[in-house]
Amino acid sequence: MRHRIEDQLAVREALVDLDRTRPGVGERLTGALREAIAGRRIPPGTRLPSSRDLATDLGVSRGLVVSAYEQLVAEGRLTSRRGSGTVVAPATEVAGPAHTPPAPAPAGVAPLRPGVPDLGMFPRAAWRRAYERALSTALDSDLDYTDPAGVPRLRAELASYLGRVRAARVDADAIVVTTGAAQALSLLGRVLAARGMHEVGVEDPGSSGIRDHLLAHGLRLRPVPVDERGLLVSALGGARAVFVTPAHQFPVGVVLAPERRAELIAWARRTGGLVIEDDYDAEFRYDREPVGCLQGLAPDVVALVGSASKALAPGLRRGWLAPPPGWLAAVRQAKCDADMGGSALEQLAFAELLASGGYDRHLRRARRAQRTRRDALVGALRRDLPQVRVSGIAAGLHLVAELPAGVDDRALATRAREAGLGPLALSDLRLGTAGPPGLVLGYAARSADELAAAVATLARLL
């Protein structure tokens, strides 16, 4: 059943931009299906919706869908058998010997690359409707320079969403809209440096990109070990701020334990420190409801950072920052100096997507697909690489595969990249702590079959 749902979603996503308002819709439907099959956006083996169901979804006559299917069957792109439905023909796969590694993927979407959602699932139709609605309802004054913190309507929608979904305690006036989490960290880095708070604790292992952002502002990094209960607060030493991923630690995937949360908040209040909480993929928890954000427990000492990069697409560049009250004025000024507020129309469109429920619907759909893909990746690892150990909770867009002692994960990651894959070596994400070798594997951007093929390639390389 899961595979059938994924099949239906793949077909519908491939046809989301089909123009049905002009003559010649039958030819455009056939062409769109042909291109999607050739480009493997509808991969071999996919079972297409029935002609009646697809016609209903698209709002066209069933005859047009039947004609499109018949044309593609005649071309050998589809196969159709009574009682079995219409399926993308295996002949559309690229033939080759079984030992040949998969060809390199387009830049940015290599199989097993962590941190990237399925860009093909971007809700183009819902985003187009939201943008058109925003454009048609925007006041002339909305097109003037906006509040540096962001369009008021978007901040209001974000405050409502974060309170409802992440248990945050934040008012619209306390939110600063950013161009992704990267800008949020840059703003905080600038304010930290201006206040003389130059030493920042970072999770070890942790994100190398985050470390680079902090270093770019002249800050010093203190590696803080992470164990099975999260950040070791006792190792913060003289740090004045700390960066944490409490809902789903990157990369090892643990959740910050309740007693560590209390200890971290107590540290911040005792020292006057700042906790920077990156809520980067907390909406994606597959075994239970995700834990609420740390900011909801202590808005006076926690700066909440979030973005739509993992939920929608990195290229959208939509993010937010909710700093503590004592930091808000300085952060707002830093945002004004950076870009005077950003694009008003795109902010209004995102507000419309949130208000209409389109964002929630997309998240539900993405969660279903990503859970299926995570299960497929775990299954492939157990089958082809039984010597590795999968660590971390069932959440997010990645997992860690711990390798046997003595394996050089950096060398293995290099060989994997040469074979067209995109894993990260766990050792490259460590600053000072020791630990087992491993690979950080992403699964959200590829189908179950592609993930299985990638794992088979890893097994040969190992």
Protein backbone atom coordinates (compact mmCIF):
# COMPACT_ATOMS: atom_id res chain seq x y z
CA MET A 1 0.00 0.00 0.00
CA ARG A 2 2.83 2.42 0.83
CA HIS A 3 4.45 1.88 -2.56
CA ARG A 4 1.11 2.46 -4.30
CA ILE A 5 0.63 5.76 -2.42
CA GLU A 6 4.15 6.85 -3.41
CA ASP A 7 3.38 5.92 -7.02
CA GLN A 8 0.22 8.04 -7.03
CA LEU A 9 2.08 10.97 -5.47
CA ALA A 10 4.90 10.75 -8.04
CA VAL A 11 2.45 10.92 -10.95
CA ARG A 12 0.41 13.76 -9.49
CA GLU A 13 3.53 15.80 -8.67
CA ALA A 14 4.85 15.34 -12.22
CA LEU A 15 1.60 16.80 -13.60
CA VAL A 16 1.17 19.62 -11.09
CA ASP A 17 2.08 22.33 -13.64
CA LEU A 18 -0.07 20.95 -16.48
CA ASP A 19 -1.92 23.84 -18.12
CA ARG A 20 -5.53 22.75 -18.60
CA THR A 21 -6.90 26.15 -19.61
CA ARG A 22 -5.83 26.18 -23.27
CA PRO A 23 -6.62 23.91 -26.22
CA GLY A 24 -4.33 20.95 -26.81
CA VAL A 25 -4.40 19.70 -23.21
CA GLY A 26 -4.28 16.08 -24.43
CA GLU A 27 -0.96 16.64 -26.20
CA ARG A 28 0.43 18.49 -23.19
CA LEU A 29 -0.66 15.66 -20.89
CA THR A 30 1.04 13.07 -23.07
CA GLY A 31 4.18 15.22 -23.29
CA ALA A 32 4.30 15.84 -19.55
CA LEU A 33 4.02 12.12 -18.81
CA ARG A 34 6.63 11.30 -21.45
CA GLU A 35 9.11 13.81 -20.03
CA ALA A 36 8.50 12.70 -16.44
CA ILE A 37 9.13 9.07 -17.39
CA ALA A 38 12.25 9.92 -19.40
CA GLY A 39 13.57 12.05 -16.54
CA ARG A 40 12.75 9.30 -14.00
CA ARG A 41 10.54 11.62 -11.98
CA ILE A 42 8.07 8.76 -12.53
CA PRO A 43 10.50 5.82 -12.20
CA PRO A 44 10.24 2.38 -13.82
CA GLY A 45 7.73 0.13 -12.10
CA THR A 46 5.48 2.99 -11.01
CA ARG A 47 1.81 2.08 -11.22
CA LEU A 48 -0.15 4.99 -12.68
CA PRO A 49 -3.56 6.02 -11.36
CA SER A 50 -6.54 4.64 -13.21
CA SER A 51 -7.65 6.78 -16.14
CA ARG A 52 -10.82 7.67 -14.25
CA ASP A 53 -8.96 8.73 -11.08
CA LEU A 54 -6.37 10.79 -12.95
CA ALA A 55 -9.04 12.49 -15.08
CA THR A 56 -10.92 13.43 -11.91
CA ASP A 57 -7.75 14.79 -10.27
CA LEU A 58 -6.83 16.87 -13.31
CA GLY A 59 -10.35 18.01 -14.16
CA VAL A 60 -10.16 16.69 -17.73
CA SER A 61 -12.14 14.10 -19.65
CA ARG A 62 -11.30 10.45 -19.14
CA GLY A 63 -10.86 10.09 -22.89
CA LEU A 64 -7.84 12.43 -22.84
CA VAL A 65 -6.15 10.33 -20.17
CA VAL A 66 -6.96 7.08 -22.00
CA SER A 67 -5.47 8.50 -25.21
CA ALA A 68 -2.31 9.61 -23.39
CA TYR A 69 -1.87 6.19 -21.80
CA GLU A 70 -2.45 4.41 -25.13
CA GLN A 71 0.10 6.61 -26.90
CA LEU A 72 2.77 5.90 -24.29
CA VAL A 73 1.97 2.18 -24.32
CA ALA A 74 2.49 2.25 -28.08
CA GLU A 75 5.85 3.98 -27.57
CA GLY A 76 6.92 1.29 -25.12
CA ARG A 77 7.10 3.70 -22.17
CA LEU A 78 4.11 2.11 -20.39
CA THR A 79 2.78 -1.41 -20.13
CA SER A 80 -0.88 -2.23 -19.59
CA ARG A 81 -2.41 -5.57 -18.64
CA ARG A 82 -5.98 -6.30 -17.71
CA GLY A 83 -6.26 -6.51 -13.93
CA SER A 84 -2.75 -5.12 -13.38
CA GLY A 85 -3.24 -1.49 -14.31
CA THR A 86 -0.85 0.74 -16.24
CA VAL A 87 2.81 0.63 -15.19
CA VAL A 88 5.96 2.45 -16.32
CA ALA A 89 7.84 -0.05 -18.44
CA PRO A 90 11.18 -1.43 -17.17
CA ALA A 91 12.58 -0.79 -20.65
CA THR A 92 12.84 2.88 -19.70
CA GLU A 93 15.64 2.05 -17.25
CA VAL A 94 19.23 2.61 -18.36
CA ALA A 95 20.68 -0.81 -19.08
CA GLY A 96 24.09 -1.76 -17.72
CA PRO A 97 26.00 -4.47 -15.89
CA ALA A 98 24.98 -5.11 -12.29
CA HIS A 99 28.37 -4.06 -10.92
CA THR A 100 28.29 -0.58 -12.51
CA PRO A 101 27.80 2.14 -9.86
CA PRO A 102 24.95 4.60 -10.42
CA ALA A 103 25.75 7.66 -12.47
CA PRO A 104 26.39 10.85 -10.52
CA ALA A 105 23.19 12.73 -9.72
CA PRO A 106 22.68 16.38 -10.60
CA ALA A 107 24.52 18.77 -8.26
CA GLY A 108 22.89 19.05 -4.89
CA VAL A 109 20.78 15.91 -4.99
CA ALA A 110 23.28 13.03 -4.94
CA PRO A 111 21.83 9.85 -3.40
CA LEU A 112 22.44 9.66 0.37
CA ARG A 113 23.27 13.35 0.65
CA PRO A 114 21.89 14.46 4.05
CA GLY A 115 19.93 17.61 4.78
CA VAL A 116 18.07 17.91 1.47
CA PRO A 117 14.32 17.33 1.09
CA ASP A 118 12.71 15.86 -2.01
CA LEU A 119 12.77 18.96 -4.20
CA GLY A 120 10.35 17.30 -6.60
CA MET A 121 7.73 17.32 -3.85
CA PHE A 122 7.77 21.11 -3.56
CA PRO A 123 4.06 22.08 -3.59
CA ARG A 124 4.22 24.13 -6.76
CA ALA A 125 0.48 24.40 -7.25
CA ALA A 126 -0.15 25.46 -3.64
CA TRP A 127 2.73 27.92 -3.74
CA ARG A 128 1.47 29.40 -7.01
CA ARG A 129 -2.00 29.84 -5.54
CA ALA A 130 -0.54 31.43 -2.41
CA TYR A 131 1.64 33.79 -4.44
CA GLU A 132 -1.23 34.79 -6.72
CA ARG A 133 -3.46 35.37 -3.71
CA ALA A 134 -0.76 37.46 -2.03
CA LEU A 135 -0.23 39.50 -5.19
CA SER A 136 -3.94 40.12 -5.74
CA THR A 137 -4.65 41.17 -2.14
CA ALA A 138 -1.47 43.13 -1.38
CA LEU A 139 -2.00 46.80 -0.63
CA ASP A 140 0.08 49.41 -2.36
CA SER A 141 1.70 50.12 0.98
CA ASP A 142 2.80 46.48 1.22
CA LEU A 143 5.19 47.13 -1.67
CA ASP A 144 7.07 49.85 0.25
CA TYR A 145 10.11 49.06 2.39
CA THR A 146 8.80 46.69 5.01
CA ASP A 147 9.50 46.42 8.70
CA PRO A 148 13.11 45.15 8.97
CA ALA A 149 11.82 42.28 11.10
CA GLY A 150 9.48 41.15 8.33
CA VAL A 151 5.93 41.59 7.04
CA PRO A 152 3.55 41.76 10.04
CA ARG A 153 1.14 39.18 8.57
CA LEU A 154 3.88 36.58 8.16
CA ARG A 155 5.18 37.18 11.69
CA ALA A 156 1.66 36.69 13.02
CA GLU A 157 1.20 33.44 11.08
CA LEU A 158 4.60 32.19 12.22
CA ALA A 159 3.82 32.97 15.86
CA SER A 160 0.58 31.00 15.57
CA TYR A 161 2.24 28.09 13.78
CA LEU A 162 5.21 27.84 16.17
CA GLY A 163 2.92 27.98 19.17
CA ARG A 164 0.62 25.30 17.76
CA VAL A 165 3.20 22.91 16.32
CA ARG A 166 6.37 23.50 18.33
CA ALA A 167 4.95 24.72 21.68
CA ALA A 168 6.90 27.97 21.35
CA ARG A 169 6.04 31.00 23.50
CA VAL A 170 6.46 33.90 21.14
CA ASP A 171 4.45 36.90 19.98
CA ALA A 172 4.44 38.17 16.43
CA ASP A 173 6.38 41.28 17.48
CA ALA A 174 9.18 39.08 18.82
CA ILE A 175 9.85 37.27 15.52
CA VAL A 176 12.41 38.35 12.95
CA VAL A 177 11.92 36.92 9.46
CA THR A 178 15.20 35.85 7.85
CA THR A 179 16.51 34.43 4.59
CA GLY A 180 16.97 31.01 6.11
CA ALA A 181 18.72 29.78 9.24
CA ALA A 182 22.07 30.97 7.88
CA GLN A 183 21.05 34.61 8.15
CA ALA A 184 19.59 34.04 11.61
CA LEU A 185 22.95 32.70 12.78
CA SER A 186 24.78 35.58 11.13
CA LEU A 187 22.57 38.09 12.96
CA LEU A 188 23.15 36.37 16.30
CA GLY A 189 26.87 36.07 15.60
CA ARG A 190 27.11 39.80 14.96
CA VAL A 191 25.28 40.64 18.19
CA LEU A 192 27.31 38.14 20.21
CA ALA A 193 30.57 39.69 18.98
CA ALA A 194 29.30 43.21 19.69
CA ARG A 195 28.50 42.18 23.27
CA GLY A 196 31.90 40.62 23.82
CA MET A 197 30.49 37.10 24.08
CA HIS A 198 33.18 35.58 21.92
CA GLU A 199 33.24 31.94 23.09
CA VAL A 200 30.40 29.75 21.84
CA GLY A 201 29.84 26.12 22.72
CA VAL A 202 29.02 23.85 19.80
CA GLU A 203 27.87 20.24 19.78
CA ASP A 204 30.64 17.79 18.97
CA PRO A 205 30.02 16.14 16.58
CA GLY A 206 27.98 18.86 14.92
CA SER A 207 27.34 20.81 11.75
CA SER A 208 30.47 22.07 10.01
CA GLY A 209 28.38 24.71 8.23
CA ILE A 210 27.16 26.13 11.54
CA ARG A 211 30.71 26.26 12.84
CA ASP A 212 31.81 28.18 9.74
CA HIS A 213 29.05 30.76 10.23
CA LEU A 214 30.10 31.38 13.82
CA LEU A 215 33.80 31.53 12.98
CA ALA A 216 33.09 34.08 10.24
CA HIS A 217 32.04 36.53 12.97
CA GLY A 218 35.28 36.17 14.90
CA LEU A 219 33.82 33.87 17.54
CA ARG A 220 35.77 31.11 19.28
CA LEU A 221 34.30 27.63 19.37
CA ARG A 222 34.31 25.31 22.37
CA PRO A 223 33.56 21.71 21.37
CA VAL A 224 31.00 20.19 23.77
CA PRO A 225 30.63 16.39 23.68
CA VAL A 226 27.29 14.75 22.90
CA ASP A 227 26.24 11.41 24.35
CA GLU A 228 23.07 9.34 24.18
CA ARG A 229 21.23 11.99 26.23
CA GLY A 230 22.44 14.98 24.22
CA LEU A 231 24.77 17.87 24.99
CA LEU A 232 26.99 17.54 28.10
CA VAL A 233 26.13 20.84 29.77
CA SER A 234 28.85 20.33 32.38
CA ALA A 235 31.46 20.67 29.61
CA LEU A 236 30.45 24.23 28.60
CA GLY A 237 33.22 25.73 30.72
CA GLY A 238 33.60 29.46 30.07
CA ALA A 239 31.39 29.61 26.99
CA ARG A 240 29.02 32.59 26.90
CA ALA A 241 26.59 31.05 24.40
CA VAL A 242 25.85 27.58 23.11
CA PHE A 243 24.40 26.23 19.86
CA VAL A 244 22.17 23.16 20.25
CA THR A 245 19.82 20.98 18.18
CA PRO A 246 17.71 19.57 21.04
CA ALA A 247 14.79 18.00 19.13
CA HIS A 248 17.02 15.92 16.81
CA GLN A 249 20.73 16.41 17.32
CA PHE A 250 22.74 16.79 14.15
CA PRO A 251 24.24 14.44 13.20
CA VAL A 252 23.83 11.61 15.73
CA GLY A 253 20.05 12.01 16.05
CA VAL A 254 19.53 11.93 19.83
CA VAL A 255 16.96 14.03 21.72
CA LEU A 256 18.17 16.32 24.51
CA ALA A 257 17.02 14.58 27.70
CA PRO A 258 14.67 16.40 30.11
CA GLU A 259 17.29 16.73 32.85
CA ARG A 260 19.80 18.13 30.34
CA ARG A 261 17.20 20.67 29.19
CA ALA A 262 16.71 21.83 32.76
CA GLU A 263 20.45 21.94 33.34
CA LEU A 264 21.04 23.97 30.17
CA ILE A 265 18.37 26.53 31.06
CA ALA A 266 19.78 26.83 34.58
CA TRP A 267 23.27 27.39 33.11
CA ALA A 268 22.00 30.19 30.84
CA ARG A 269 20.18 31.96 33.67
CA ARG A 270 23.09 31.58 36.08
CA THR A 271 25.74 32.86 33.65
CA GLY A 272 23.71 35.32 31.58
CA GLY A 273 24.42 33.12 28.59
CA LEU A 274 22.43 32.58 25.41
CA VAL A 275 21.09 29.26 24.16
CA ILE A 276 20.75 29.16 20.36
CA GLU A 277 18.22 26.46 19.46
CA ASP A 278 18.24 25.28 15.86
CA ASP A 279 14.85 23.62 15.24
CA TYR A 280 15.99 22.55 11.80
CA ASP A 281 13.87 19.44 11.10
CA ALA A 282 11.72 18.97 14.19
CA GLU A 283 8.47 18.61 12.21
CA PHE A 284 9.69 15.26 10.91
CA ARG A 285 9.30 12.67 13.67
CA TYR A 286 8.02 9.28 12.52
CA ASP A 287 7.56 7.20 15.67
CA ARG A 288 5.73 9.71 17.92
CA GLU A 289 4.94 13.40 18.25
CA PRO A 290 8.12 15.52 18.34
CA VAL A 291 9.16 17.08 21.63
CA GLY A 292 8.31 20.76 22.07
CA CYS A 293 11.01 23.33 21.48
CA LEU A 294 13.35 24.44 24.25
CA GLN A 295 12.31 28.06 23.72
CA GLY A 296 8.84 27.25 25.02
CA LEU A 297 10.40 26.43 28.39
CA ALA A 298 12.67 29.47 28.66
CA PRO A 299 11.96 32.28 26.19
CA ASP A 300 14.07 34.61 28.34
CA VAL A 301 17.36 32.82 27.50
CA VAL A 302 16.68 30.83 24.29
CA ALA A 303 16.88 32.15 20.72
CA LEU A 304 14.76 29.92 18.47
CA VAL A 305 16.03 29.49 14.90
CA GLY A 306 13.95 27.78 12.21
CA SER A 307 13.46 27.66 8.47
CA ALA A 308 11.44 26.09 5.67
CA SER A 309 14.55 24.69 3.98
CA LYS A 310 14.01 21.11 5.14
CA ALA A 311 10.22 21.25 4.85
CA LEU A 312 9.89 22.99 1.47
CA ALA A 313 13.18 23.77 -0.30
CA PRO A 314 16.47 25.49 0.56
CA GLY A 315 16.13 27.72 -2.49
CA LEU A 316 13.04 29.38 -1.04
CA ARG A 317 15.26 31.09 1.58
CA ARG A 318 12.56 31.47 4.23
CA GLY A 319 13.50 31.37 7.89
CA TRP A 320 12.79 32.96 11.25
CA LEU A 321 14.43 33.89 14.52
CA ALA A 322 12.78 34.47 17.89
CA PRO A 323 15.44 35.94 20.21
CA PRO A 324 14.98 36.58 23.94
CA PRO A 325 13.43 39.98 24.76
CA GLY A 326 16.77 41.45 25.79
CA TRP A 327 18.25 40.61 22.40
CA LEU A 328 15.39 41.65 20.13
CA ALA A 329 16.33 45.31 19.54
CA ALA A 330 19.92 44.46 18.62
CA VAL A 331 18.83 41.64 16.30
CA ARG A 332 16.26 43.87 14.59
CA GLN A 333 18.95 46.50 13.99
CA ALA A 334 21.31 43.89 12.60
CA LYS A 335 18.55 42.72 10.24
CA CYS A 336 17.90 46.28 9.08
CA ASP A 337 21.61 46.74 8.38
CA ALA A 338 21.70 43.46 6.47
CA ASP A 339 18.84 43.91 3.99
CA MET A 340 16.16 46.31 5.30
CA GLY A 341 13.62 43.51 5.56
CA GLY A 342 13.76 41.36 2.43
CA SER A 343 11.10 40.57 -0.17
CA ALA A 344 7.59 41.56 0.94
CA LEU A 345 5.71 39.61 -1.74
CA GLU A 346 7.41 36.31 -0.99
CA GLN A 347 6.79 36.81 2.71
CA LEU A 348 3.11 37.47 2.01
CA ALA A 349 2.96 34.34 -0.13
CA PHE A 350 4.46 32.24 2.66
CA ALA A 351 1.98 33.77 5.10
CA GLU A 352 -0.84 32.75 2.74
CA LEU A 353 0.54 29.20 2.51
CA LEU A 354 0.55 28.97 6.31
CA ALA A 355 -2.91 30.52 6.71
CA SER A 356 -4.53 28.34 4.05
CA GLY A 357 -3.28 25.10 5.58
CA GLY A 358 -1.15 24.38 2.51
CA TYR A 359 2.03 24.18 4.59
CA ASP A 360 0.46 21.66 7.00
CA ARG A 361 -0.86 19.54 4.13
CA HIS A 362 2.54 19.47 2.49
CA LEU A 363 4.21 18.46 5.75
CA ARG A 364 1.80 15.56 6.20
CA ARG A 365 2.50 14.36 2.70
CA ALA A 366 6.27 14.77 3.08
CA ARG A 367 6.26 12.92 6.40
CA ARG A 368 4.54 9.92 4.81
CA ALA A 369 7.02 9.76 1.94
CA GLN A 370 10.10 10.29 4.11
CA ARG A 371 9.08 7.69 6.66
CA THR A 372 8.74 5.16 3.84
CA ARG A 373 12.16 6.12 2.50
CA ARG A 374 13.82 5.94 5.90
CA ASP A 375 12.35 2.46 6.38
CA ALA A 376 13.68 1.49 2.95
CA LEU A 377 17.17 2.79 3.76
CA VAL A 378 17.27 0.99 7.12
CA GLY A 379 16.10 -2.20 5.44
CA ALA A 380 18.77 -1.93 2.75
CA LEU A 381 21.48 -1.34 5.35
CA ARG A 382 20.40 -4.40 7.34
CA ARG A 383 20.39 -6.50 4.20
CA ASP A 384 23.59 -5.33 2.47
CA LEU A 385 25.63 -3.90 5.36
CA PRO A 386 24.64 -5.90 8.45
CA GLN A 387 27.90 -4.94 10.14
CA VAL A 388 26.82 -1.27 10.51
CA ARG A 389 24.69 0.08 13.36
CA VAL A 390 21.95 2.62 12.67
CA SER A 391 21.80 5.24 15.44
CA GLY A 392 19.42 8.04 16.34
CA ILE A 393 15.67 8.37 16.57
CA ALA A 394 13.29 7.88 13.65
CA ALA A 395 13.16 11.51 12.59
CA GLY A 396 14.44 14.13 10.19
CA LEU A 397 16.02 13.66 6.78
CA HIS A 398 19.12 11.65 7.73
CA LEU A 399 20.46 8.84 9.88
CA VAL A 400 23.91 7.75 11.04
CA ALA A 401 25.37 4.40 10.03
CA GLU A 402 28.12 3.56 12.51
CA LEU A 403 30.90 1.56 10.85
CA PRO A 404 33.06 -1.20 12.32
CA ALA A 405 36.13 -0.08 14.27
CA GLY A 406 39.12 0.52 12.03
CA VAL A 407 37.16 1.60 8.96
CA ASP A 408 38.34 4.95 7.56
CA ASP A 409 35.03 6.77 7.12
CA ARG A 410 36.68 9.73 5.40
CA ALA A 411 38.21 7.51 2.74
CA LEU A 412 34.94 5.62 2.33
CA ALA A 413 33.01 8.89 1.92
CA THR A 414 35.50 10.02 -0.71
CA ARG A 415 35.09 6.78 -2.68
CA ALA A 416 31.32 7.12 -2.35
CA ARG A 417 31.40 10.64 -3.80
CA GLU A 418 33.51 9.38 -6.72
CA ALA A 419 30.74 6.83 -7.31
CA GLY A 420 28.09 9.57 -7.45
CA LEU A 421 26.84 9.32 -3.86
CA GLY A 422 26.70 12.05 -1.22
CA PRO A 423 27.23 10.76 2.35
CA LEU A 424 29.20 12.68 4.98
CA ALA A 425 31.94 11.13 7.07
CA LEU A 426 31.09 11.33 10.76
CA SER A 427 34.75 12.04 11.55
CA ASP A 428 34.59 15.23 9.47
CA LEU A 429 31.91 16.55 11.85
CA ARG A 430 34.02 16.11 14.99
CA LEU A 431 36.18 18.87 16.46
CA GLY A 432 37.84 17.13 19.38
CA THR A 433 35.85 14.18 20.63
CA ALA A 434 36.58 10.58 19.79
CA GLY A 435 33.96 8.16 18.59
CA PRO A 436 33.23 5.35 16.16
CA PRO A 437 33.60 5.95 12.42
CA GLY A 438 30.37 6.38 10.53
CA LEU A 439 28.52 7.86 7.61
CA VAL A 440 25.71 10.40 7.75
CA LEU A 441 23.17 9.27 5.14
CA GLY A 442 20.28 11.29 3.75
CA TYR A 443 17.18 9.60 2.39
CA ALA A 444 14.54 12.27 1.76
CA ALA A 445 15.52 13.20 -1.79
CA ARG A 446 15.52 9.72 -3.36
CA SER A 447 13.08 6.88 -3.94
CA ALA A 448 13.23 3.57 -2.09
CA ASP A 449 14.73 1.82 -5.13
CA GLU A 450 17.40 4.47 -5.56
CA LEU A 451 18.31 4.24 -1.88
CA ALA A 452 18.63 0.46 -2.14
CA ALA A 453 20.92 0.83 -5.16
CA ALA A 454 23.04 3.40 -3.31
CA VAL A 455 23.45 1.10 -0.32
CA ALA A 456 24.45 -1.74 -2.62
CA THR A 457 27.16 0.54 -4.04
CA LEU A 458 28.33 1.41 -0.51
CA ALA A 459 28.55 -2.27 0.34
CA ARG A 460 30.82 -2.89 -2.67
CA LEU A 461 33.00 0.08 -1.72
CA LEU A 462 33.30 -1.06 1.89
